[in-house]
PDB file of N, CA and C in Angstrom:
ATOM      1  N   MET A   1      -1.698 -13.733 -14.554  1.00  0.00           N
ATOM      2  CA  MET A   1      -2.849 -12.931 -14.161  1.00  0.00           C
ATOM      3  C   MET A   1      -4.125 -13.781 -14.190  1.00  0.00           C
ATOM      4  N   GLU A   2      -4.217 -14.665 -15.185  1.00  0.00           N
ATOM      5  CA  GLU A   2      -5.394 -15.541 -15.262  1.00  0.00           C
ATOM      6  C   GLU A   2      -5.494 -16.426 -14.019  1.00  0.00           C
ATOM      7  N   LYS A   3      -4.361 -16.954 -13.585  1.00  0.00           N
ATOM      8  CA  LYS A   3      -4.347 -17.791 -12.382  1.00  0.00           C
ATOM      9  C   LYS A   3      -4.818 -16.985 -11.172  1.00  0.00           C
ATOM     10  N   LEU A   4      -4.372 -15.758 -11.044  1.00  0.00           N
ATOM     11  CA  LEU A   4      -4.798 -14.910  -9.933  1.00  0.00           C
ATOM     12  C   LEU A   4      -6.294 -14.640  -9.976  1.00  0.00           C
ATOM     13  N   ARG A   5      -6.843 -14.429 -11.166  1.00  0.00           N
ATOM     14  CA  ARG A   5      -8.297 -14.214 -11.292  1.00  0.00           C
ATOM     15  C   ARG A   5      -9.068 -15.449 -10.831  1.00  0.00           C
ATOM     16  N   ARG A   6      -8.605 -16.627 -11.238  1.00  0.00           N
ATOM     17  CA  ARG A   6      -9.288 -17.868 -10.834  1.00  0.00           C
ATOM     18  C   ARG A   6      -9.218 -18.040  -9.316  1.00  0.00           C
ATOM     19  N   ILE A   7      -8.073 -17.783  -8.742  1.00  0.00           N
ATOM     20  CA  ILE A   7      -7.924 -17.907  -7.295  1.00  0.00           C
ATOM     21  C   ILE A   7      -8.850 -16.927  -6.595  1.00  0.00           C
ATOM     22  N   SER A   8      -8.918 -15.716  -7.090  1.00  0.00           N
ATOM     23  CA  SER A   8      -9.794 -14.705  -6.506  1.00  0.00           C
ATOM     24  C   SER A   8     -11.248 -15.153  -6.541  1.00  0.00           C
ATOM     25  N   ASP A   9     -11.681 -15.696  -7.667  1.00  0.00           N
ATOM     26  CA  ASP A   9     -13.061 -16.183  -7.773  1.00  0.00           C
ATOM     27  C   ASP A   9     -13.340 -17.276  -6.746  1.00  0.00           C
ATOM     28  N   TYR A  10     -12.388 -18.211  -6.590  1.00  0.00           N
ATOM     29  CA  TYR A  10     -12.560 -19.284  -5.613  1.00  0.00           C
ATOM     30  C   TYR A  10     -12.585 -18.747  -4.190  1.00  0.00           C
ATOM     31  N   ALA A  11     -11.763 -17.765  -3.911  1.00  0.00           N
ATOM     32  CA  ALA A  11     -11.727 -17.185  -2.569  1.00  0.00           C
ATOM     33  C   ALA A  11     -13.072 -16.551  -2.227  1.00  0.00           C
ATOM     34  N   LEU A  12     -13.644 -15.802  -3.166  1.00  0.00           N
ATOM     35  CA  LEU A  12     -14.931 -15.162  -2.903  1.00  0.00           C
ATOM     36  C   LEU A  12     -16.039 -16.197  -2.752  1.00  0.00           C
ATOM     37  N   SER A  13     -16.046 -17.214  -3.590  1.00  0.00           N
ATOM     38  CA  SER A  13     -17.078 -18.240  -3.445  1.00  0.00           C
ATOM     39  C   SER A  13     -16.870 -19.010  -2.141  1.00  0.00           C
ATOM     40  N   GLY A  14     -15.620 -19.172  -1.724  1.00  0.00           N
ATOM     41  CA  GLY A  14     -15.342 -19.801  -0.435  1.00  0.00           C
ATOM     42  C   GLY A  14     -15.922 -19.006   0.723  1.00  0.00           C
ATOM     43  N   LEU A  15     -15.821 -17.693   0.653  1.00  0.00           N
ATOM     44  CA  LEU A  15     -16.415 -16.843   1.688  1.00  0.00           C
ATOM     45  C   LEU A  15     -17.926 -17.024   1.744  1.00  0.00           C
ATOM     46  N   GLU A  16     -18.546 -17.091   0.570  1.00  0.00           N
ATOM     47  CA  GLU A  16     -19.999 -17.297   0.517  1.00  0.00           C
ATOM     48  C   GLU A  16     -20.385 -18.635   1.149  1.00  0.00           C
ATOM     49  N   ILE A  17     -19.647 -19.681   0.844  1.00  0.00           N
ATOM     50  CA  ILE A  17     -19.934 -21.008   1.393  1.00  0.00           C
ATOM     51  C   ILE A  17     -19.767 -20.997   2.907  1.00  0.00           C
ATOM     52  N   MET A  18     -18.664 -20.411   3.394  1.00  0.00           N
ATOM     53  CA  MET A  18     -18.435 -20.365   4.837  1.00  0.00           C
ATOM     54  C   MET A  18     -19.533 -19.578   5.547  1.00  0.00           C
ATOM     55  N   LYS A  19     -19.987 -18.485   4.952  1.00  0.00           N
ATOM     56  CA  LYS A  19     -21.077 -17.700   5.534  1.00  0.00           C
ATOM     57  C   LYS A  19     -22.337 -18.559   5.646  1.00  0.00           C
ATOM     58  N   ARG A  20     -22.684 -19.246   4.562  1.00  0.00           N
ATOM     59  CA  ARG A  20     -23.886 -20.101   4.562  1.00  0.00           C
ATOM     60  C   ARG A  20     -23.800 -21.210   5.603  1.00  0.00           C
ATOM     61  N   LYS A  21     -22.620 -21.744   5.813  1.00  0.00           N
ATOM     62  CA  LYS A  21     -22.429 -22.865   6.739  1.00  0.00           C
ATOM     63  C   LYS A  21     -22.195 -22.414   8.181  1.00  0.00           C
ATOM     64  N   GLY A  22     -22.134 -21.091   8.410  1.00  0.00           N
ATOM     65  CA  GLY A  22     -21.969 -20.578   9.768  1.00  0.00           C
ATOM     66  C   GLY A  22     -20.554 -20.662  10.319  1.00  0.00           C
ATOM     67  N   VAL A  23     -19.567 -20.727   9.443  1.00  0.00           N
ATOM     68  CA  VAL A  23     -18.167 -20.791   9.874  1.00  0.00           C
ATOM     69  C   VAL A  23     -17.740 -19.436  10.434  1.00  0.00           C
ATOM     70  N   LYS A  24     -17.083 -19.443  11.567  1.00  0.00           N
ATOM     71  CA  LYS A  24     -16.554 -18.205  12.133  1.00  0.00           C
ATOM     72  C   LYS A  24     -15.330 -17.806  11.327  1.00  0.00           C
ATOM     73  N   MET A  25     -15.373 -16.611  10.779  1.00  0.00           N
ATOM     74  CA  MET A  25     -14.270 -16.119   9.946  1.00  0.00           C
ATOM     75  C   MET A  25     -13.643 -14.898  10.583  1.00  0.00           C
ATOM     76  N   GLY A  26     -12.375 -14.980  10.894  1.00  0.00           N
ATOM     77  CA  GLY A  26     -11.637 -13.816  11.328  1.00  0.00           C
ATOM     78  C   GLY A  26     -11.234 -13.012  10.101  1.00  0.00           C
ATOM     79  N   LEU A  27     -10.501 -11.943  10.322  1.00  0.00           N
ATOM     80  CA  LEU A  27     -10.048 -11.114   9.213  1.00  0.00           C
ATOM     81  C   LEU A  27      -8.589 -10.779   9.412  1.00  0.00           C
ATOM     82  N   GLY A  28      -7.825 -10.922   8.360  1.00  0.00           N
ATOM     83  CA  GLY A  28      -6.414 -10.588   8.390  1.00  0.00           C
ATOM     84  C   GLY A  28      -5.800 -10.937   7.050  1.00  0.00           C
ATOM     85  N   THR A  29      -4.589 -10.504   6.840  1.00  0.00           N
ATOM     86  CA  THR A  29      -3.889 -10.825   5.597  1.00  0.00           C
ATOM     87  C   THR A  29      -2.469 -11.234   5.933  1.00  0.00           C
ATOM     88  N   ASP A  30      -1.791 -11.731   4.939  1.00  0.00           N
ATOM     89  CA  ASP A  30      -0.376 -12.071   5.115  1.00  0.00           C
ATOM     90  C   ASP A  30       0.494 -11.196   4.221  1.00  0.00           C
ATOM     91  N   LEU A  31      -0.009 -10.016   3.883  1.00  0.00           N
ATOM     92  CA  LEU A  31       0.752  -9.111   3.018  1.00  0.00           C
ATOM     93  C   LEU A  31       1.882  -8.460   3.811  1.00  0.00           C
ATOM     94  N   LEU A  32       3.069  -8.529   3.270  1.00  0.00           N
ATOM     95  CA  LEU A  32       4.256  -7.982   3.930  1.00  0.00           C
ATOM     96  C   LEU A  32       5.001  -7.061   2.981  1.00  0.00           C
ATOM     97  N   GLY A  33       5.981  -6.391   3.509  1.00  0.00           N
ATOM     98  CA  GLY A  33       6.854  -5.549   2.692  1.00  0.00           C
ATOM     99  C   GLY A  33       6.090  -4.454   1.971  1.00  0.00           C
ATOM    100  N   ALA A  34       6.385  -4.294   0.695  1.00  0.00           N
ATOM    101  CA  ALA A  34       5.778  -3.217  -0.088  1.00  0.00           C
ATOM    102  C   ALA A  34       4.265  -3.376  -0.201  1.00  0.00           C
ATOM    103  N   LEU A  35       3.759  -4.604  -0.081  1.00  0.00           N
ATOM    104  CA  LEU A  35       2.311  -4.831  -0.186  1.00  0.00           C
ATOM    105  C   LEU A  35       1.566  -4.560   1.121  1.00  0.00           C
ATOM    106  N   HIS A  36       2.287  -4.316   2.184  1.00  0.00           N
ATOM    107  CA  HIS A  36       1.693  -4.073   3.499  1.00  0.00           C
ATOM    108  C   HIS A  36       0.602  -2.998   3.442  1.00  0.00           C
ATOM    109  N   THR A  37       0.801  -1.982   2.639  1.00  0.00           N
ATOM    110  CA  THR A  37      -0.163  -0.879   2.564  1.00  0.00           C
ATOM    111  C   THR A  37      -1.484  -1.301   1.923  1.00  0.00           C
ATOM    112  N   ARG A  38      -1.533  -2.482   1.317  1.00  0.00           N
ATOM    113  CA  ARG A  38      -2.756  -2.947   0.661  1.00  0.00           C
ATOM    114  C   ARG A  38      -3.576  -3.885   1.545  1.00  0.00           C
ATOM    115  N   GLN A  39      -3.162  -4.058   2.800  1.00  0.00           N
ATOM    116  CA  GLN A  39      -3.877  -4.966   3.701  1.00  0.00           C
ATOM    117  C   GLN A  39      -5.344  -4.606   3.853  1.00  0.00           C
ATOM    118  N   SER A  40      -5.641  -3.341   3.909  1.00  0.00           N
ATOM    119  CA  SER A  40      -7.029  -2.926   4.141  1.00  0.00           C
ATOM    120  C   SER A  40      -7.925  -3.163   2.927  1.00  0.00           C
ATOM    121  N   SER A  41      -7.354  -3.565   1.800  1.00  0.00           N
ATOM    122  CA  SER A  41      -8.199  -3.884   0.642  1.00  0.00           C
ATOM    123  C   SER A  41      -9.055  -5.118   0.909  1.00  0.00           C
ATOM    124  N   GLU A  42      -8.712  -5.880   1.937  1.00  0.00           N
ATOM    125  CA  GLU A  42      -9.504  -7.055   2.321  1.00  0.00           C
ATOM    126  C   GLU A  42     -10.947  -6.670   2.653  1.00  0.00           C
ATOM    127  N   PHE A  43     -11.151  -5.476   3.205  1.00  0.00           N
ATOM    128  CA  PHE A  43     -12.511  -5.024   3.517  1.00  0.00           C
ATOM    129  C   PHE A  43     -13.355  -4.938   2.245  1.00  0.00           C
ATOM    130  N   GLU A  44     -12.813  -4.292   1.226  1.00  0.00           N
ATOM    131  CA  GLU A  44     -13.552  -4.136  -0.033  1.00  0.00           C
ATOM    132  C   GLU A  44     -13.752  -5.481  -0.718  1.00  0.00           C
ATOM    133  N   LEU A  45     -12.732  -6.322  -0.708  1.00  0.00           N
ATOM    134  CA  LEU A  45     -12.852  -7.635  -1.343  1.00  0.00           C
ATOM    135  C   LEU A  45     -13.974  -8.452  -0.712  1.00  0.00           C
ATOM    136  N   ARG A  46     -13.992  -8.507   0.601  1.00  0.00           N
ATOM    137  CA  ARG A  46     -15.043  -9.281   1.283  1.00  0.00           C
ATOM    138  C   ARG A  46     -16.426  -8.677   1.077  1.00  0.00           C
ATOM    139  N   SER A  47     -16.488  -7.362   0.894  1.00  0.00           N
ATOM    140  CA  SER A  47     -17.804  -6.721   0.728  1.00  0.00           C
ATOM    141  C   SER A  47     -18.492  -7.147  -0.563  1.00  0.00           C
ATOM    142  N   ARG A  48     -17.765  -7.781  -1.453  1.00  0.00           N
ATOM    143  CA  ARG A  48     -18.377  -8.283  -2.686  1.00  0.00           C
ATOM    144  C   ARG A  48     -19.338  -9.428  -2.411  1.00  0.00           C
ATOM    145  N   VAL A  49     -19.152 -10.110  -1.265  1.00  0.00           N
ATOM    146  CA  VAL A  49     -20.010 -11.259  -0.963  1.00  0.00           C
ATOM    147  C   VAL A  49     -20.563 -11.269   0.466  1.00  0.00           C
ATOM    148  N   LEU A  50     -20.066 -10.385   1.334  1.00  0.00           N
ATOM    149  CA  LEU A  50     -20.503 -10.382   2.727  1.00  0.00           C
ATOM    150  C   LEU A  50     -21.020  -9.008   3.126  1.00  0.00           C
ATOM    151  N   PRO A  51     -21.998  -8.963   4.045  1.00  0.00           N
ATOM    152  CA  PRO A  51     -22.460  -7.670   4.566  1.00  0.00           C
ATOM    153  C   PRO A  51     -21.367  -6.987   5.400  1.00  0.00           C
ATOM    154  N   ALA A  52     -21.364  -5.671   5.378  1.00  0.00           N
ATOM    155  CA  ALA A  52     -20.348  -4.899   6.106  1.00  0.00           C
ATOM    156  C   ALA A  52     -20.312  -5.256   7.585  1.00  0.00           C
ATOM    157  N   ILE A  53     -21.462  -5.460   8.208  1.00  0.00           N
ATOM    158  CA  ILE A  53     -21.474  -5.766   9.645  1.00  0.00           C
ATOM    159  C   ILE A  53     -20.737  -7.069   9.927  1.00  0.00           C
ATOM    160  N   ASP A  54     -20.862  -8.060   9.053  1.00  0.00           N
ATOM    161  CA  ASP A  54     -20.148  -9.323   9.245  1.00  0.00           C
ATOM    162  C   ASP A  54     -18.635  -9.130   9.108  1.00  0.00           C
ATOM    163  N   ILE A  55     -18.232  -8.279   8.190  1.00  0.00           N
ATOM    164  CA  ILE A  55     -16.801  -8.014   7.991  1.00  0.00           C
ATOM    165  C   ILE A  55     -16.226  -7.310   9.215  1.00  0.00           C
ATOM    166  N   LEU A  56     -16.949  -6.332   9.741  1.00  0.00           N
ATOM    167  CA  LEU A  56     -16.484  -5.617  10.932  1.00  0.00           C
ATOM    168  C   LEU A  56     -16.431  -6.546  12.141  1.00  0.00           C
ATOM    169  N   ARG A  57     -17.427  -7.397  12.286  1.00  0.00           N
ATOM    170  CA  ARG A  57     -17.395  -8.368  13.396  1.00  0.00           C
ATOM    171  C   ARG A  57     -16.208  -9.309  13.251  1.00  0.00           C
ATOM    172  N   SER A  58     -15.913  -9.729  12.021  1.00  0.00           N
ATOM    173  CA  SER A  58     -14.762 -10.603  11.792  1.00  0.00           C
ATOM    174  C   SER A  58     -13.473  -9.931  12.242  1.00  0.00           C
ATOM    175  N   ALA A  59     -13.329  -8.657  11.929  1.00  0.00           N
ATOM    176  CA  ALA A  59     -12.113  -7.914  12.260  1.00  0.00           C
ATOM    177  C   ALA A  59     -11.988  -7.639  13.757  1.00  0.00           C
ATOM    178  N   CYS A  60     -13.093  -7.631  14.455  1.00  0.00           N
ATOM    179  CA  CYS A  60     -13.068  -7.255  15.876  1.00  0.00           C
ATOM    180  C   CYS A  60     -13.409  -8.446  16.779  1.00  0.00           C
ATOM    181  N   ALA A  61     -14.683  -8.672  17.012  1.00  0.00           N
ATOM    182  CA  ALA A  61     -15.125  -9.673  17.983  1.00  0.00           C
ATOM    183  C   ALA A  61     -14.729 -11.093  17.605  1.00  0.00           C
ATOM    184  N   VAL A  62     -14.862 -11.467  16.331  1.00  0.00           N
ATOM    185  CA  VAL A  62     -14.526 -12.836  15.929  1.00  0.00           C
ATOM    186  C   VAL A  62     -13.022 -13.071  16.056  1.00  0.00           C
ATOM    187  N   ASN A  63     -12.217 -12.119  15.619  1.00  0.00           N
ATOM    188  CA  ASN A  63     -10.769 -12.267  15.786  1.00  0.00           C
ATOM    189  C   ASN A  63     -10.425 -12.450  17.263  1.00  0.00           C
ATOM    190  N   ALA A  64     -11.032 -11.656  18.133  1.00  0.00           N
ATOM    191  CA  ALA A  64     -10.769 -11.764  19.570  1.00  0.00           C
ATOM    192  C   ALA A  64     -11.142 -13.155  20.077  1.00  0.00           C
ATOM    193  N   GLU A  65     -12.288 -13.647  19.645  1.00  0.00           N
ATOM    194  CA  GLU A  65     -12.725 -14.979  20.068  1.00  0.00           C
ATOM    195  C   GLU A  65     -11.764 -16.070  19.569  1.00  0.00           C
ATOM    196  N   LEU A  66     -11.363 -15.986  18.304  1.00  0.00           N
ATOM    197  CA  LEU A  66     -10.461 -16.986  17.749  1.00  0.00           C
ATOM    198  C   LEU A  66      -9.103 -16.988  18.461  1.00  0.00           C
ATOM    199  N   LEU A  67      -8.708 -15.837  18.986  1.00  0.00           N
ATOM    200  CA  LEU A  67      -7.445 -15.728  19.717  1.00  0.00           C
ATOM    201  C   LEU A  67      -7.599 -15.997  21.215  1.00  0.00           C
ATOM    202  N   GLY A  68      -8.835 -16.254  21.666  1.00  0.00           N
ATOM    203  CA  GLY A  68      -9.079 -16.470  23.090  1.00  0.00           C
ATOM    204  C   GLY A  68      -8.907 -15.209  23.903  1.00  0.00           C
ATOM    205  N   GLU A  69      -9.200 -14.044  23.307  1.00  0.00           N
ATOM    206  CA  GLU A  69      -8.985 -12.757  23.973  1.00  0.00           C
ATOM    207  C   GLU A  69     -10.273 -11.933  24.090  1.00  0.00           C
ATOM    208  N   GLU A  70     -11.437 -12.621  24.169  1.00  0.00           N
ATOM    209  CA  GLU A  70     -12.690 -11.875  24.343  1.00  0.00           C
ATOM    210  C   GLU A  70     -12.599 -11.032  25.606  1.00  0.00           C
ATOM    211  N   GLY A  71     -13.130  -9.830  25.533  1.00  0.00           N
ATOM    212  CA  GLY A  71     -13.083  -8.917  26.665  1.00  0.00           C
ATOM    213  C   GLY A  71     -11.831  -8.058  26.708  1.00  0.00           C
ATOM    214  N   ARG A  72     -10.782  -8.482  26.018  1.00  0.00           N
ATOM    215  CA  ARG A  72      -9.554  -7.676  25.934  1.00  0.00           C
ATOM    216  C   ARG A  72      -9.369  -7.087  24.553  1.00  0.00           C
ATOM    217  N   LEU A  73      -9.747  -7.839  23.523  1.00  0.00           N
ATOM    218  CA  LEU A  73      -9.633  -7.387  22.136  1.00  0.00           C
ATOM    219  C   LEU A  73     -11.027  -7.354  21.509  1.00  0.00           C
ATOM    220  N   GLY A  74     -11.187  -6.527  20.490  1.00  0.00           N
ATOM    221  CA  GLY A  74     -12.413  -6.536  19.708  1.00  0.00           C
ATOM    222  C   GLY A  74     -13.617  -5.920  20.374  1.00  0.00           C
ATOM    223  N   CYS A  75     -13.405  -5.174  21.437  1.00  0.00           N
ATOM    224  CA  CYS A  75     -14.525  -4.544  22.146  1.00  0.00           C
ATOM    225  C   CYS A  75     -14.057  -3.220  22.745  1.00  0.00           C
ATOM    226  N   VAL A  76     -15.022  -2.412  23.143  1.00  0.00           N
ATOM    227  CA  VAL A  76     -14.723  -1.162  23.831  1.00  0.00           C
ATOM    228  C   VAL A  76     -15.316  -1.288  25.225  1.00  0.00           C
ATOM    229  N   ARG A  77     -14.442  -1.466  26.198  1.00  0.00           N
ATOM    230  CA  ARG A  77     -14.875  -1.591  27.590  1.00  0.00           C
ATOM    231  C   ARG A  77     -13.685  -1.388  28.511  1.00  0.00           C
ATOM    232  N   GLU A  78     -13.951  -1.134  29.768  1.00  0.00           N
ATOM    233  CA  GLU A  78     -12.888  -0.936  30.743  1.00  0.00           C
ATOM    234  C   GLU A  78     -12.014  -2.189  30.820  1.00  0.00           C
ATOM    235  N   GLY A  79     -10.722  -1.984  30.794  1.00  0.00           N
ATOM    236  CA  GLY A  79      -9.769  -3.072  30.885  1.00  0.00           C
ATOM    237  C   GLY A  79      -9.371  -3.673  29.548  1.00  0.00           C
ATOM    238  N   ALA A  80     -10.081  -3.312  28.483  1.00  0.00           N
ATOM    239  CA  ALA A  80      -9.739  -3.832  27.155  1.00  0.00           C
ATOM    240  C   ALA A  80      -8.572  -3.029  26.594  1.00  0.00           C
ATOM    241  N   TRP A  81      -7.846  -3.652  25.672  1.00  0.00           N
ATOM    242  CA  TRP A  81      -6.783  -2.925  24.981  1.00  0.00           C
ATOM    243  C   TRP A  81      -7.432  -1.857  24.127  1.00  0.00           C
ATOM    244  N   ALA A  82      -6.888  -0.682  24.134  1.00  0.00           N
ATOM    245  CA  ALA A  82      -7.473   0.432  23.392  1.00  0.00           C
ATOM    246  C   ALA A  82      -6.973   0.418  21.951  1.00  0.00           C
ATOM    247  N   ASP A  83      -7.627  -0.386  21.115  1.00  0.00           N
ATOM    248  CA  ASP A  83      -7.385  -0.383  19.675  1.00  0.00           C
ATOM    249  C   ASP A  83      -8.618   0.250  19.049  1.00  0.00           C
ATOM    250  N   LEU A  84      -8.488   1.514  18.667  1.00  0.00           N
ATOM    251  CA  LEU A  84      -9.649   2.275  18.210  1.00  0.00           C
ATOM    252  C   LEU A  84      -9.342   3.028  16.926  1.00  0.00           C
ATOM    253  N   LEU A  85     -10.385   3.225  16.129  1.00  0.00           N
ATOM    254  CA  LEU A  85     -10.305   4.047  14.921  1.00  0.00           C
ATOM    255  C   LEU A  85     -11.403   5.085  14.973  1.00  0.00           C
ATOM    256  N   VAL A  86     -11.113   6.291  14.505  1.00  0.00           N
ATOM    257  CA  VAL A  86     -12.143   7.291  14.228  1.00  0.00           C
ATOM    258  C   VAL A  86     -12.165   7.420  12.717  1.00  0.00           C
ATOM    259  N   VAL A  87     -13.329   7.111  12.143  1.00  0.00           N
ATOM    260  CA  VAL A  87     -13.461   6.991  10.696  1.00  0.00           C
ATOM    261  C   VAL A  87     -14.274   8.145  10.142  1.00  0.00           C
ATOM    262  N   ASP A  88     -13.813   8.724   9.043  1.00  0.00           N
ATOM    263  CA  ASP A  88     -14.566   9.748   8.321  1.00  0.00           C
ATOM    264  C   ASP A  88     -15.524   9.029   7.377  1.00  0.00           C
ATOM    265  N   GLY A  89     -16.701   8.691   7.881  1.00  0.00           N
ATOM    266  CA  GLY A  89     -17.700   7.970   7.101  1.00  0.00           C
ATOM    267  C   GLY A  89     -18.301   6.853   7.928  1.00  0.00           C
ATOM    268  N   ASP A  90     -19.242   6.159   7.339  1.00  0.00           N
ATOM    269  CA  ASP A  90     -19.948   5.076   8.004  1.00  0.00           C
ATOM    270  C   ASP A  90     -19.584   3.755   7.321  1.00  0.00           C
ATOM    271  N   PRO A  91     -18.729   2.944   7.952  1.00  0.00           N
ATOM    272  CA  PRO A  91     -18.315   1.700   7.312  1.00  0.00           C
ATOM    273  C   PRO A  91     -19.454   0.704   7.111  1.00  0.00           C
ATOM    274  N   LEU A  92     -20.567   0.873   7.816  1.00  0.00           N
ATOM    275  CA  LEU A  92     -21.707  -0.007   7.575  1.00  0.00           C
ATOM    276  C   LEU A  92     -22.384   0.312   6.242  1.00  0.00           C
ATOM    277  N   LYS A  93     -22.258   1.560   5.807  1.00  0.00           N
ATOM    278  CA  LYS A  93     -22.823   1.962   4.518  1.00  0.00           C
ATOM    279  C   LYS A  93     -21.798   1.876   3.396  1.00  0.00           C
ATOM    280  N   ASP A  94     -20.528   2.099   3.729  1.00  0.00           N
ATOM    281  CA  ASP A  94     -19.460   2.080   2.725  1.00  0.00           C
ATOM    282  C   ASP A  94     -18.182   1.573   3.377  1.00  0.00           C
ATOM    283  N   ILE A  95     -17.963   0.277   3.296  1.00  0.00           N
ATOM    284  CA  ILE A  95     -16.819  -0.359   3.958  1.00  0.00           C
ATOM    285  C   ILE A  95     -15.487   0.151   3.417  1.00  0.00           C
ATOM    286  N   THR A  96     -15.490   0.747   2.239  1.00  0.00           N
ATOM    287  CA  THR A  96     -14.232   1.222   1.647  1.00  0.00           C
ATOM    288  C   THR A  96     -13.626   2.393   2.420  1.00  0.00           C
ATOM    289  N   VAL A  97     -14.373   3.004   3.351  1.00  0.00           N
ATOM    290  CA  VAL A  97     -13.785   4.070   4.171  1.00  0.00           C
ATOM    291  C   VAL A  97     -12.652   3.523   5.040  1.00  0.00           C
ATOM    292  N   LEU A  98     -12.596   2.204   5.212  1.00  0.00           N
ATOM    293  CA  LEU A  98     -11.513   1.582   5.978  1.00  0.00           C
ATOM    294  C   LEU A  98     -10.340   1.188   5.098  1.00  0.00           C
ATOM    295  N   GLY A  99     -10.470   1.373   3.797  1.00  0.00           N
ATOM    296  CA  GLY A  99      -9.438   0.972   2.853  1.00  0.00           C
ATOM    297  C   GLY A  99      -8.418   2.054   2.608  1.00  0.00           C
ATOM    298  N   GLY A 100      -7.680   1.862   1.551  1.00  0.00           N
ATOM    299  CA  GLY A 100      -6.646   2.824   1.185  1.00  0.00           C
ATOM    300  C   GLY A 100      -5.490   2.791   2.153  1.00  0.00           C
ATOM    301  N   ALA A 101      -4.851   3.904   2.296  1.00  0.00           N
ATOM    302  CA  ALA A 101      -3.694   4.020   3.185  1.00  0.00           C
ATOM    303  C   ALA A 101      -4.055   4.744   4.473  1.00  0.00           C
ATOM    304  N   GLY A 102      -5.324   4.665   4.859  1.00  0.00           N
ATOM    305  CA  GLY A 102      -5.758   5.292   6.100  1.00  0.00           C
ATOM    306  C   GLY A 102      -6.151   6.745   5.962  1.00  0.00           C
ATOM    307  N   GLU A 103      -6.324   7.218   4.726  1.00  0.00           N
ATOM    308  CA  GLU A 103      -6.655   8.630   4.542  1.00  0.00           C
ATOM    309  C   GLU A 103      -8.019   9.005   5.121  1.00  0.00           C
ATOM    310  N   ARG A 104      -8.914   8.038   5.332  1.00  0.00           N
ATOM    311  CA  ARG A 104     -10.232   8.313   5.918  1.00  0.00           C
ATOM    312  C   ARG A 104     -10.265   7.991   7.416  1.00  0.00           C
ATOM    313  N   LEU A 105      -9.107   7.699   7.973  1.00  0.00           N
ATOM    314  CA  LEU A 105      -9.005   7.409   9.402  1.00  0.00           C
ATOM    315  C   LEU A 105      -8.375   8.606  10.093  1.00  0.00           C
ATOM    316  N   ALA A 106      -9.181   9.316  10.865  1.00  0.00           N
ATOM    317  CA  ALA A 106      -8.689  10.517  11.551  1.00  0.00           C
ATOM    318  C   ALA A 106      -7.864  10.161  12.786  1.00  0.00           C
ATOM    319  N   VAL A 107      -8.192   9.023  13.399  1.00  0.00           N
ATOM    320  CA  VAL A 107      -7.474   8.574  14.595  1.00  0.00           C
ATOM    321  C   VAL A 107      -7.225   7.077  14.469  1.00  0.00           C
ATOM    322  N   ILE A 108      -5.987   6.680  14.755  1.00  0.00           N
ATOM    323  CA  ILE A 108      -5.631   5.270  14.865  1.00  0.00           C
ATOM    324  C   ILE A 108      -4.943   5.108  16.208  1.00  0.00           C
ATOM    325  N   MET A 109      -5.542   4.293  17.080  1.00  0.00           N
ATOM    326  CA  MET A 109      -4.965   4.018  18.393  1.00  0.00           C
ATOM    327  C   MET A 109      -4.788   2.509  18.514  1.00  0.00           C
ATOM    328  N   SER A 110      -3.609   2.082  18.928  1.00  0.00           N
ATOM    329  CA  SER A 110      -3.322   0.676  19.139  1.00  0.00           C
ATOM    330  C   SER A 110      -2.693   0.509  20.514  1.00  0.00           C
ATOM    331  N   ALA A 111      -3.275  -0.396  21.292  1.00  0.00           N
ATOM    332  CA  ALA A 111      -2.786  -0.658  22.654  1.00  0.00           C
ATOM    333  C   ALA A 111      -2.686   0.624  23.477  1.00  0.00           C
ATOM    334  N   GLY A 112      -3.646   1.517  23.267  1.00  0.00           N
ATOM    335  CA  GLY A 112      -3.704   2.756  24.042  1.00  0.00           C
ATOM    336  C   GLY A 112      -2.767   3.867  23.585  1.00  0.00           C
ATOM    337  N   ARG A 113      -2.053   3.657  22.497  1.00  0.00           N
ATOM    338  CA  ARG A 113      -1.126   4.666  21.989  1.00  0.00           C
ATOM    339  C   ARG A 113      -1.603   5.170  20.638  1.00  0.00           C
ATOM    340  N   PHE A 114      -1.566   6.477  20.490  1.00  0.00           N
ATOM    341  CA  PHE A 114      -1.951   7.077  19.214  1.00  0.00           C
ATOM    342  C   PHE A 114      -0.852   6.834  18.170  1.00  0.00           C
ATOM    343  N   HIS A 115      -1.277   6.374  17.008  1.00  0.00           N
ATOM    344  CA  HIS A 115      -0.374   6.239  15.864  1.00  0.00           C
ATOM    345  C   HIS A 115      -0.696   7.285  14.805  1.00  0.00           C
ATOM    346  N   LYS A 116      -1.914   7.815  14.899  1.00  0.00           N
ATOM    347  CA  LYS A 116      -2.340   8.900  14.026  1.00  0.00           C
ATOM    348  C   LYS A 116      -3.443   9.655  14.767  1.00  0.00           C
ATOM    349  N   ARG A 117      -3.361  10.966  14.740  1.00  0.00           N
ATOM    350  CA  ARG A 117      -4.384  11.786  15.395  1.00  0.00           C
ATOM    351  C   ARG A 117      -4.457  13.110  14.658  1.00  0.00           C
ATOM    352  N   THR A 118      -5.467  13.250  13.775  1.00  0.00           N
ATOM    353  CA  THR A 118      -5.588  14.470  12.988  1.00  0.00           C
ATOM    354  C   THR A 118      -6.814  15.290  13.366  1.00  0.00           C
ATOM    355  N   LEU A 119      -7.514  14.900  14.410  1.00  0.00           N
ATOM    356  CA  LEU A 119      -8.677  15.690  14.852  1.00  0.00           C
ATOM    357  C   LEU A 119      -8.254  16.875  15.671  1.00  0.00           C
TER     358      LEU A 119
END
């Protein structure tokens, strides 16, 4: 557990350094299997050192740019893949609304298909 705490501290300070140096940071995790449901905890972790708007840009526009998919991913426009969320709350004020197991997400759409729709 001590090793994990040290790694966590380094990861957060690394995010701060990259932000200061202007490094483009995408967002994603490598959690698989039973830990898959904890992927969205990355939003809360990053919020300890980064503004919510930067985290959201990382998850959307920056990821699209890093993948060479600007205009198709990470944006809402005609011809783009329809990956959309309807969130109960304002992630700019409280990024944790994107966390958990999706209980604050009323709609999840990926590639134009609904995966959750409770509205």
